Amino acid sequence: MSRQVFLYDPPDRFIAGTVGLPGRRTFFLQASAGGRTTSVALEKAQVEALAERIDELLDEVVRRSGGNAPVPAVAPAEVDDTEPLETPVEEEFRVGTMALAWDGEGERMVVEAQAIVELEPDADEDLADAEERLLQDDENGPPMLRVRISGSMARSFAKRALEVVNAGRPPCPLCSLPLDPEGHVCPRQNGYRRSE
């Protein structure tokens, strides 16, 4: 079966968002352009790591270019996207592997999110070789979302993604674990229930 690549070059919109209540949220990356929308599910930690790495990569691009790259230092207000995910949110796949790159020639950030796959090494290869084979841009590989965005759109994505991650349940002031609306068994309180 041939690989399905959802390519957006460039998207009209590329955001991270959630469906559900804090504590039970499902995180999505969503790209849309020309009347089509692709949504892929991923973990909260993946969204946070992606946003942080995008900011780090953009900072490095600015540093290496001596400030001449078309990358703003902060997310420009005119590209802020505070709208919710486009509905209906239909999951194409669950993300396993993500990759980031800067295309210096096109002056674009390239974000790739690849579906989770079970690695089964062939009889004569080890796990590391199987992982390397998986990362090849093979026509028979797992589904992939590939998005090419400008530096300002990437900054805006990272800012929103971190806001979405931090919009969950507030942390307990004693142990930093998330507080549930019905209370929290705090290990620092020796198991006594703490309510807000």
Protein backbone atom coordinates (compact mmCIF):
# COMPACT_ATOMS: atom_id res chain seq x y z
CA MET A 1 0.00 0.00 0.00
CA SER A 2 1.41 3.39 -0.93
CA ARG A 3 2.07 6.08 1.65
CA GLN A 4 -0.53 8.79 2.08
CA VAL A 5 1.07 12.22 2.46
CA PHE A 6 -1.16 15.12 3.50
CA LEU A 7 0.80 18.04 2.06
CA TYR A 8 0.06 21.68 2.85
CA ASP A 9 2.45 24.05 1.10
CA PRO A 10 1.48 26.51 2.50
CA PRO A 11 -1.62 25.95 4.60
CA ASP A 12 -4.19 28.68 5.16
CA ARG A 13 -4.22 27.54 8.76
CA PHE A 14 -1.98 25.30 10.93
CA ILE A 15 -2.86 25.03 14.61
CA ALA A 16 -2.79 22.84 17.70
CA GLY A 17 -6.07 22.42 19.53
CA THR A 18 -8.04 20.12 21.79
CA VAL A 19 -11.35 18.38 22.06
CA GLY A 20 -12.77 17.57 25.49
CA LEU A 21 -12.59 18.86 29.03
CA PRO A 22 -9.34 19.52 30.93
CA GLY A 23 -8.01 16.23 32.23
CA ARG A 24 -9.70 14.33 29.41
CA ARG A 25 -8.59 16.36 26.40
CA THR A 26 -7.47 14.92 23.09
CA PHE A 27 -4.81 17.00 21.34
CA PHE A 28 -4.77 17.57 17.59
CA LEU A 29 -2.66 19.22 14.93
CA GLN A 30 -4.90 20.59 12.20
CA ALA A 31 -3.91 21.95 8.80
CA SER A 32 -6.32 23.39 6.26
CA ALA A 33 -6.19 24.96 2.83
CA GLY A 34 -8.38 25.13 -0.24
CA GLY A 35 -11.44 23.61 1.42
CA ARG A 36 -9.67 20.54 2.81
CA THR A 37 -8.72 19.91 6.42
CA THR A 38 -6.47 17.27 7.98
CA SER A 39 -6.50 16.54 11.72
CA VAL A 40 -4.02 14.21 13.43
CA ALA A 41 -4.11 13.23 17.11
CA LEU A 42 -1.10 13.35 19.40
CA GLU A 43 -0.14 13.50 23.06
CA LYS A 44 0.03 16.68 25.12
CA ALA A 45 3.78 16.20 25.62
CA GLN A 46 4.26 15.96 21.85
CA VAL A 47 2.45 19.27 21.32
CA GLU A 48 4.58 20.93 23.99
CA ALA A 49 7.83 19.49 22.60
CA LEU A 50 6.90 20.52 19.06
CA ALA A 51 6.15 24.11 20.10
CA GLU A 52 9.37 24.40 22.09
CA ARG A 53 11.49 22.94 19.28
CA ILE A 54 9.89 25.22 16.69
CA ASP A 55 10.80 28.27 18.80
CA GLU A 56 14.34 26.94 19.34
CA LEU A 57 14.83 26.24 15.62
CA LEU A 58 13.52 29.67 14.64
CA ASP A 59 15.84 31.32 17.19
CA GLU A 60 18.76 29.39 15.70
CA VAL A 61 17.78 30.44 12.16
CA VAL A 62 17.74 34.10 13.24
CA ARG A 63 21.08 33.71 15.03
CA ARG A 64 22.80 32.03 12.08
CA SER A 65 21.45 34.55 9.58
CA GLY A 66 22.63 37.49 11.66
CA GLY A 67 19.03 38.66 12.00
CA ASN A 68 18.41 38.69 8.25
CA ALA A 69 16.02 35.70 8.12
CA PRO A 70 12.30 36.47 7.65
CA VAL A 71 11.55 35.22 11.16
CA PRO A 72 10.01 37.50 13.81
CA ALA A 73 11.36 37.41 17.36
CA VAL A 74 7.81 36.94 18.70
CA ALA A 75 4.52 35.86 17.15
CA PRO A 76 3.07 38.80 15.18
CA ALA A 77 -0.41 39.83 16.33
CA GLU A 78 -1.76 39.88 12.76
CA VAL A 79 -1.25 36.11 12.34
CA ASP A 80 -2.61 35.11 15.77
CA ASP A 81 -5.22 32.39 15.38
CA THR A 82 -7.50 32.01 18.39
CA GLU A 83 -10.35 30.23 16.60
CA PRO A 84 -11.23 26.68 17.64
CA LEU A 85 -10.44 23.60 15.56
CA GLU A 86 -12.51 23.28 12.40
CA THR A 87 -15.31 20.78 12.92
CA PRO A 88 -16.01 17.99 12.53
CA VAL A 89 -12.61 16.89 13.84
CA GLU A 90 -11.91 13.58 12.11
CA GLU A 91 -8.64 11.93 13.15
CA GLU A 92 -6.61 10.77 10.14
CA PHE A 93 -4.05 9.00 12.34
CA ARG A 94 -2.26 9.16 15.70
CA VAL A 95 1.20 10.76 15.52
CA GLY A 96 4.24 8.72 16.46
CA THR A 97 7.27 10.47 14.97
CA MET A 98 7.70 14.19 14.28
CA ALA A 99 10.41 16.06 12.41
CA LEU A 100 11.32 19.72 11.92
CA ALA A 101 13.52 21.41 9.37
CA TRP A 102 14.22 24.88 8.02
CA ASP A 103 14.21 25.22 4.24
CA GLY A 104 16.68 28.08 3.77
CA GLU A 105 16.04 28.35 0.05
CA GLY A 106 12.25 28.62 0.41
CA GLU A 107 12.55 30.35 3.81
CA ARG A 108 9.97 27.99 5.28
CA MET A 109 9.65 25.77 8.35
CA VAL A 110 8.88 22.16 7.43
CA VAL A 111 6.88 20.21 10.01
CA GLU A 112 6.28 16.49 9.53
CA ALA A 113 4.08 14.27 11.68
CA GLN A 114 4.12 10.55 10.89
CA ALA A 115 1.67 7.91 12.08
CA ILE A 116 2.59 5.44 14.83
CA VAL A 117 3.81 2.14 13.46
CA GLU A 118 4.79 -1.10 15.09
CA LEU A 119 8.46 -1.76 14.36
CA GLU A 120 9.11 -5.33 13.35
CA PRO A 121 12.78 -5.70 12.40
CA ASP A 122 13.44 -8.09 9.54
CA ALA A 123 15.27 -11.28 10.47
CA ASP A 124 18.67 -9.87 9.52
CA GLU A 125 18.40 -6.30 10.92
CA ASP A 126 18.43 -4.86 14.41
CA LEU A 127 16.00 -2.34 15.87
CA ALA A 128 18.19 0.68 15.00
CA ASP A 129 18.25 -0.35 11.33
CA ALA A 130 14.47 -0.84 11.40
CA GLU A 131 14.03 2.67 12.84
CA GLU A 132 16.29 4.13 10.13
CA ARG A 133 14.29 2.32 7.44
CA LEU A 134 11.09 3.77 8.90
CA LEU A 135 12.41 7.35 8.68
CA GLN A 136 13.22 7.03 4.98
CA ASP A 137 10.81 8.85 2.68
CA ASP A 138 9.56 5.50 1.37
CA GLU A 139 6.49 5.27 -0.86
CA ASN A 140 5.24 2.39 1.31
CA GLY A 141 5.73 4.18 4.64
CA PRO A 142 3.07 5.18 7.17
CA PRO A 143 0.73 8.15 6.60
CA MET A 144 2.32 11.57 7.10
CA LEU A 145 1.22 15.18 7.52
CA ARG A 146 3.78 17.56 5.95
CA VAL A 147 3.32 21.31 6.39
CA ARG A 148 5.51 24.13 5.05
CA ILE A 149 4.92 27.43 6.88
CA SER A 150 6.50 30.88 7.08
CA GLY A 151 8.55 31.97 10.07
CA SER A 152 5.75 34.20 11.38
CA MET A 153 3.17 31.41 11.02
CA ALA A 154 5.55 29.05 12.85
CA ARG A 155 5.96 31.53 15.74
CA SER A 156 2.20 31.92 15.92
CA PHE A 157 1.74 28.12 15.92
CA ALA A 158 4.26 27.69 18.76
CA LYS A 159 2.67 30.44 20.86
CA ARG A 160 -0.83 29.01 20.48
CA ALA A 161 0.35 25.42 21.07
CA LEU A 162 1.95 26.37 24.39
CA GLU A 163 -1.20 28.27 25.40
CA VAL A 164 -3.32 25.19 24.58
CA VAL A 165 -1.03 22.93 26.62
CA ASN A 166 -1.12 25.31 29.60
CA ALA A 167 -4.90 25.76 29.45
CA GLY A 168 -5.48 22.44 31.20
CA ARG A 169 -5.99 21.77 34.88
CA PRO A 170 -4.11 24.07 37.26
CA PRO A 171 -1.18 22.51 39.15
CA CYS A 172 -1.29 21.79 42.87
CA PRO A 173 0.82 24.44 44.66
CA LEU A 174 2.43 21.74 46.82
CA CYS A 175 3.21 18.85 44.46
CA SER A 176 2.64 20.37 40.98
CA LEU A 177 0.36 17.48 39.94
CA PRO A 178 -2.85 18.57 38.14
CA LEU A 179 -5.82 19.50 40.33
CA ASP A 180 -9.09 17.80 39.43
CA PRO A 181 -12.37 19.72 39.86
CA GLU A 182 -13.50 17.15 42.45
CA GLY A 183 -10.26 17.40 44.44
CA HIS A 184 -6.77 15.94 44.49
CA VAL A 185 -4.94 13.38 46.60
CA CYS A 186 -1.70 15.23 47.24
CA PRO A 187 1.36 13.13 48.02
CA ARG A 188 2.84 16.06 49.96
CA GLN A 189 -0.23 16.02 52.25
CA ASN A 190 0.40 12.34 53.08
CA GLY A 191 -2.58 11.23 51.00
CA TYR A 192 -5.14 13.67 52.38
CA ARG A 193 -7.53 15.05 49.79
CA ARG A 194 -6.85 18.63 48.83
CA SER A 195 -9.65 20.66 47.30
CA GLU A 196 -8.61 23.81 45.42
